[in-house]
Amino acid sequence: MRKAELKKACQENNDELAQILHTNQRFILLQNQGSSKKENRLDKLSSLNEPAYRAMLLTEQFLSIYQAKNWITVRINLRAWIRDTIQSQIPAFVELG
């Protein structure tokens, strides 16, 4: 998803979006520390490319499955992720859900 959106942004000469979607920026949600710089990038991404932003949120949600402390929470998080991926209508995630 990110690669396709990055390619599209490059083809359309959308440098601002391409910079946010670049590999160096893709782990912004995975960093547990909050900062105004991180929030600014996420806000910018949500306004420039909402599907890519939703995909990043779904990726973060998926990682919460691994952070669960017990099997009950794992099942709850996995079911929620599957439900949210299907509802997202993002083809790459719908196929996984």
N, C-alpha and C. Protein backbone atom coordinates (compact mmCIF):
# COMPACT_ATOMS: atom_id res chain seq x y z
N MET A 1 0.82 -1.18 0.00
CA MET A 1 0.00 0.00 0.00
C MET A 1 0.87 1.25 0.00
N ARG A 2 1.83 1.30 0.93
CA ARG A 2 2.69 2.47 1.03
C ARG A 2 3.52 2.65 -0.24
N LYS A 3 4.05 1.53 -0.75
CA LYS A 3 4.87 1.61 -1.95
C LYS A 3 4.07 2.11 -3.15
N ALA A 4 2.85 1.63 -3.29
CA ALA A 4 2.01 2.06 -4.41
C ALA A 4 1.68 3.54 -4.30
N GLU A 5 1.37 3.99 -3.09
CA GLU A 5 1.06 5.41 -2.89
C GLU A 5 2.30 6.28 -3.08
N LEU A 6 3.47 5.77 -2.67
CA LEU A 6 4.71 6.50 -2.88
C LEU A 6 5.01 6.64 -4.37
N LYS A 7 4.84 5.56 -5.11
CA LYS A 7 5.06 5.60 -6.56
C LYS A 7 4.13 6.59 -7.22
N LYS A 8 2.87 6.57 -6.81
CA LYS A 8 1.87 7.50 -7.36
C LYS A 8 2.24 8.94 -7.03
N ALA A 9 2.68 9.20 -5.81
CA ALA A 9 3.08 10.55 -5.41
C ALA A 9 4.28 11.03 -6.21
N CYS A 10 5.23 10.13 -6.47
CA CYS A 10 6.40 10.50 -7.27
C CYS A 10 6.02 10.80 -8.71
N GLN A 11 5.12 10.00 -9.26
CA GLN A 11 4.68 10.22 -10.64
C GLN A 11 3.93 11.54 -10.79
N GLU A 12 3.22 11.92 -9.73
CA GLU A 12 2.44 13.17 -9.75
C GLU A 12 3.25 14.36 -9.23
N ASN A 13 4.54 14.14 -9.00
CA ASN A 13 5.44 15.17 -8.48
C ASN A 13 4.94 15.78 -7.18
N ASN A 14 4.33 14.95 -6.34
CA ASN A 14 3.86 15.40 -5.04
C ASN A 14 4.97 15.12 -4.03
N ASP A 15 5.93 16.03 -3.98
CA ASP A 15 7.12 15.84 -3.15
C ASP A 15 6.80 15.77 -1.66
N GLU A 16 5.82 16.54 -1.22
CA GLU A 16 5.47 16.56 0.20
C GLU A 16 4.97 15.18 0.65
N LEU A 17 4.06 14.60 -0.13
CA LEU A 17 3.54 13.28 0.20
C LEU A 17 4.62 12.22 0.06
N ALA A 18 5.43 12.32 -1.00
CA ALA A 18 6.51 11.35 -1.22
C ALA A 18 7.48 11.35 -0.04
N GLN A 19 7.77 12.52 0.49
CA GLN A 19 8.69 12.61 1.62
C GLN A 19 8.11 11.91 2.85
N ILE A 20 6.83 12.07 3.10
CA ILE A 20 6.20 11.45 4.26
C ILE A 20 6.13 9.93 4.09
N LEU A 21 5.88 9.47 2.87
CA LEU A 21 5.73 8.04 2.62
C LEU A 21 7.07 7.33 2.44
N HIS A 22 8.14 8.07 2.39
CA HIS A 22 9.46 7.49 2.19
C HIS A 22 9.78 6.49 3.30
N THR A 23 10.62 5.54 3.00
CA THR A 23 10.97 4.46 3.92
C THR A 23 11.41 4.96 5.28
N ASN A 24 12.15 6.05 5.32
CA ASN A 24 12.64 6.57 6.60
C ASN A 24 11.51 7.03 7.51
N GLN A 25 10.35 7.33 6.93
CA GLN A 25 9.24 7.86 7.70
C GLN A 25 8.19 6.81 8.05
N ARG A 26 8.27 5.63 7.46
CA ARG A 26 7.18 4.68 7.60
C ARG A 26 7.05 4.08 8.99
N PHE A 27 8.05 4.20 9.81
CA PHE A 27 7.98 3.63 11.15
C PHE A 27 7.58 4.66 12.20
N ILE A 28 7.04 5.77 11.77
CA ILE A 28 6.70 6.84 12.70
C ILE A 28 5.69 6.39 13.75
N LEU A 29 4.75 5.56 13.36
CA LEU A 29 3.76 5.08 14.32
C LEU A 29 4.34 4.03 15.27
N LEU A 30 5.38 3.36 14.85
CA LEU A 30 5.94 2.29 15.66
C LEU A 30 6.77 2.83 16.83
N GLN A 31 7.10 4.09 16.77
CA GLN A 31 7.87 4.69 17.85
C GLN A 31 6.91 5.01 18.99
N ASN A 32 7.18 4.47 20.14
CA ASN A 32 6.28 4.62 21.28
C ASN A 32 6.32 6.01 21.91
N GLN A 33 7.28 6.80 21.57
CA GLN A 33 7.39 8.12 22.16
C GLN A 33 6.60 9.14 21.34
N GLY A 34 5.79 9.89 22.03
CA GLY A 34 5.03 10.94 21.36
C GLY A 34 5.84 12.21 21.25
N SER A 35 5.67 12.92 20.17
CA SER A 35 6.35 14.19 20.01
C SER A 35 5.52 15.05 19.06
N SER A 36 5.75 16.34 19.13
CA SER A 36 5.01 17.24 18.25
C SER A 36 5.42 17.03 16.80
N LYS A 37 6.68 16.67 16.57
CA LYS A 37 7.16 16.40 15.21
C LYS A 37 6.42 15.20 14.62
N LYS A 38 6.27 14.15 15.41
CA LYS A 38 5.55 12.95 14.98
C LYS A 38 4.09 13.29 14.69
N GLU A 39 3.46 14.03 15.58
CA GLU A 39 2.06 14.41 15.39
C GLU A 39 1.88 15.27 14.15
N ASN A 40 2.82 16.17 13.89
CA ASN A 40 2.74 17.01 12.69
C ASN A 40 2.81 16.17 11.42
N ARG A 41 3.70 15.18 11.41
CA ARG A 41 3.83 14.31 10.23
C ARG A 41 2.55 13.49 10.02
N LEU A 42 2.00 12.98 11.11
CA LEU A 42 0.77 12.19 10.99
C LEU A 42 -0.40 13.06 10.53
N ASP A 43 -0.50 14.26 11.06
CA ASP A 43 -1.56 15.18 10.63
C ASP A 43 -1.41 15.51 9.15
N LYS A 44 -0.17 15.74 8.73
CA LYS A 44 0.08 16.07 7.33
C LYS A 44 -0.28 14.88 6.44
N LEU A 45 0.10 13.68 6.86
CA LEU A 45 -0.22 12.49 6.08
C LEU A 45 -1.73 12.28 6.00
N SER A 46 -2.43 12.48 7.09
CA SER A 46 -3.88 12.28 7.08
C SER A 46 -4.56 13.26 6.14
N SER A 47 -4.02 14.46 6.00
CA SER A 47 -4.63 15.43 5.10
C SER A 47 -4.20 15.22 3.64
N LEU A 48 -2.99 14.70 3.42
CA LEU A 48 -2.50 14.51 2.06
C LEU A 48 -2.97 13.20 1.43
N ASN A 49 -3.05 12.15 2.24
CA ASN A 49 -3.39 10.84 1.68
C ASN A 49 -4.05 9.99 2.77
N GLU A 50 -5.36 10.10 2.84
CA GLU A 50 -6.11 9.43 3.89
C GLU A 50 -5.99 7.91 3.83
N PRO A 51 -6.00 7.27 2.65
CA PRO A 51 -5.83 5.81 2.62
C PRO A 51 -4.48 5.35 3.18
N ALA A 52 -3.41 6.05 2.89
CA ALA A 52 -2.10 5.68 3.43
C ALA A 52 -2.08 5.86 4.94
N TYR A 53 -2.73 6.89 5.42
CA TYR A 53 -2.82 7.12 6.86
C TYR A 53 -3.59 5.99 7.53
N ARG A 54 -4.73 5.61 6.95
CA ARG A 54 -5.51 4.50 7.51
C ARG A 54 -4.72 3.21 7.48
N ALA A 55 -3.94 3.00 6.42
CA ALA A 55 -3.11 1.79 6.34
C ALA A 55 -2.06 1.78 7.45
N MET A 56 -1.48 2.92 7.74
CA MET A 56 -0.50 2.99 8.83
C MET A 56 -1.17 2.68 10.17
N LEU A 57 -2.38 3.18 10.36
CA LEU A 57 -3.09 2.90 11.60
C LEU A 57 -3.44 1.41 11.73
N LEU A 58 -3.81 0.79 10.61
CA LEU A 58 -4.11 -0.65 10.63
C LEU A 58 -2.86 -1.46 10.94
N THR A 59 -1.73 -1.03 10.43
CA THR A 59 -0.47 -1.70 10.70
C THR A 59 -0.15 -1.61 12.19
N GLU A 60 -0.33 -0.43 12.75
CA GLU A 60 -0.10 -0.23 14.18
C GLU A 60 -1.06 -1.10 15.00
N GLN A 61 -2.30 -1.16 14.57
CA GLN A 61 -3.29 -1.98 15.27
C GLN A 61 -2.90 -3.46 15.23
N PHE A 62 -2.37 -3.91 14.10
CA PHE A 62 -1.94 -5.29 13.99
C PHE A 62 -0.82 -5.60 14.98
N LEU A 63 0.09 -4.67 15.15
CA LEU A 63 1.20 -4.88 16.07
C LEU A 63 0.73 -4.99 17.51
N SER A 64 -0.43 -4.44 17.82
CA SER A 64 -0.96 -4.55 19.18
C SER A 64 -1.28 -6.00 19.53
N ILE A 65 -1.48 -6.83 18.53
CA ILE A 65 -1.73 -8.26 18.76
C ILE A 65 -0.51 -8.88 19.44
N TYR A 66 0.67 -8.51 18.99
CA TYR A 66 1.91 -9.06 19.55
C TYR A 66 2.24 -8.48 20.92
N GLN A 67 1.68 -7.34 21.23
CA GLN A 67 1.96 -6.70 22.51
C GLN A 67 1.00 -7.14 23.61
N ALA A 68 0.02 -7.95 23.26
CA ALA A 68 -0.97 -8.40 24.23
C ALA A 68 -0.31 -9.29 25.29
N LYS A 69 -0.84 -9.22 26.48
CA LYS A 69 -0.26 -9.96 27.61
C LYS A 69 -0.84 -11.37 27.76
N ASN A 70 -2.01 -11.62 27.16
CA ASN A 70 -2.63 -12.94 27.31
C ASN A 70 -3.43 -13.30 26.06
N TRP A 71 -3.83 -14.57 25.98
CA TRP A 71 -4.51 -15.07 24.78
C TRP A 71 -5.88 -14.44 24.56
N ILE A 72 -6.55 -14.08 25.61
CA ILE A 72 -7.86 -13.44 25.47
C ILE A 72 -7.71 -12.10 24.76
N THR A 73 -6.74 -11.33 25.19
CA THR A 73 -6.48 -10.03 24.55
C THR A 73 -6.01 -10.21 23.12
N VAL A 74 -5.21 -11.24 22.87
CA VAL A 74 -4.75 -11.52 21.49
C VAL A 74 -5.96 -11.76 20.60
N ARG A 75 -6.89 -12.60 21.04
CA ARG A 75 -8.09 -12.89 20.23
C ARG A 75 -8.93 -11.65 20.01
N ILE A 76 -9.12 -10.86 21.05
CA ILE A 76 -9.91 -9.63 20.93
C ILE A 76 -9.26 -8.69 19.93
N ASN A 77 -7.95 -8.48 20.07
CA ASN A 77 -7.23 -7.57 19.17
C ASN A 77 -7.22 -8.08 17.73
N LEU A 78 -7.06 -9.39 17.55
CA LEU A 78 -7.06 -9.96 16.21
C LEU A 78 -8.42 -9.82 15.54
N ARG A 79 -9.47 -10.13 16.28
CA ARG A 79 -10.82 -9.98 15.71
C ARG A 79 -11.12 -8.53 15.35
N ALA A 80 -10.72 -7.61 16.22
CA ALA A 80 -10.93 -6.19 15.94
C ALA A 80 -10.15 -5.77 14.70
N TRP A 81 -8.92 -6.27 14.57
CA TRP A 81 -8.11 -5.92 13.40
C TRP A 81 -8.74 -6.46 12.12
N ILE A 82 -9.19 -7.70 12.15
CA ILE A 82 -9.84 -8.29 10.96
C ILE A 82 -11.07 -7.48 10.58
N ARG A 83 -11.90 -7.15 11.56
CA ARG A 83 -13.10 -6.35 11.31
C ARG A 83 -12.73 -5.00 10.69
N ASP A 84 -11.74 -4.33 11.27
CA ASP A 84 -11.34 -3.00 10.79
C ASP A 84 -10.70 -3.05 9.41
N THR A 85 -9.95 -4.12 9.11
CA THR A 85 -9.35 -4.22 7.78
C THR A 85 -10.42 -4.39 6.71
N ILE A 86 -11.42 -5.20 7.00
CA ILE A 86 -12.50 -5.40 6.03
C ILE A 86 -13.28 -4.10 5.83
N GLN A 87 -13.55 -3.40 6.91
CA GLN A 87 -14.29 -2.14 6.82
C GLN A 87 -13.48 -1.03 6.16
N SER A 88 -12.17 -1.15 6.16
CA SER A 88 -11.31 -0.09 5.60
C SER A 88 -11.47 0.05 4.09
N GLN A 89 -11.85 -1.04 3.43
CA GLN A 89 -11.97 -1.06 1.96
C GLN A 89 -10.63 -0.81 1.26
N ILE A 90 -9.52 -0.98 1.96
CA ILE A 90 -8.19 -0.88 1.35
C ILE A 90 -7.88 -2.28 0.82
N PRO A 91 -7.78 -2.44 -0.51
CA PRO A 91 -7.65 -3.77 -1.11
C PRO A 91 -6.56 -4.64 -0.49
N ALA A 92 -5.40 -4.09 -0.24
CA ALA A 92 -4.29 -4.88 0.32
C ALA A 92 -4.65 -5.45 1.69
N PHE A 93 -5.42 -4.73 2.46
CA PHE A 93 -5.81 -5.20 3.78
C PHE A 93 -7.05 -6.08 3.74
N VAL A 94 -7.98 -5.79 2.85
CA VAL A 94 -9.19 -6.61 2.74
C VAL A 94 -8.81 -8.04 2.38
N GLU A 95 -7.81 -8.20 1.50
CA GLU A 95 -7.34 -9.53 1.12
C GLU A 95 -6.80 -10.28 2.33
N LEU A 96 -6.14 -9.59 3.25
CA LEU A 96 -5.58 -10.21 4.45
C LEU A 96 -6.65 -10.55 5.46
N GLY A 97 -7.66 -9.68 5.57
CA GLY A 97 -8.70 -9.85 6.58
C GLY A 97 -9.52 -11.06 6.29
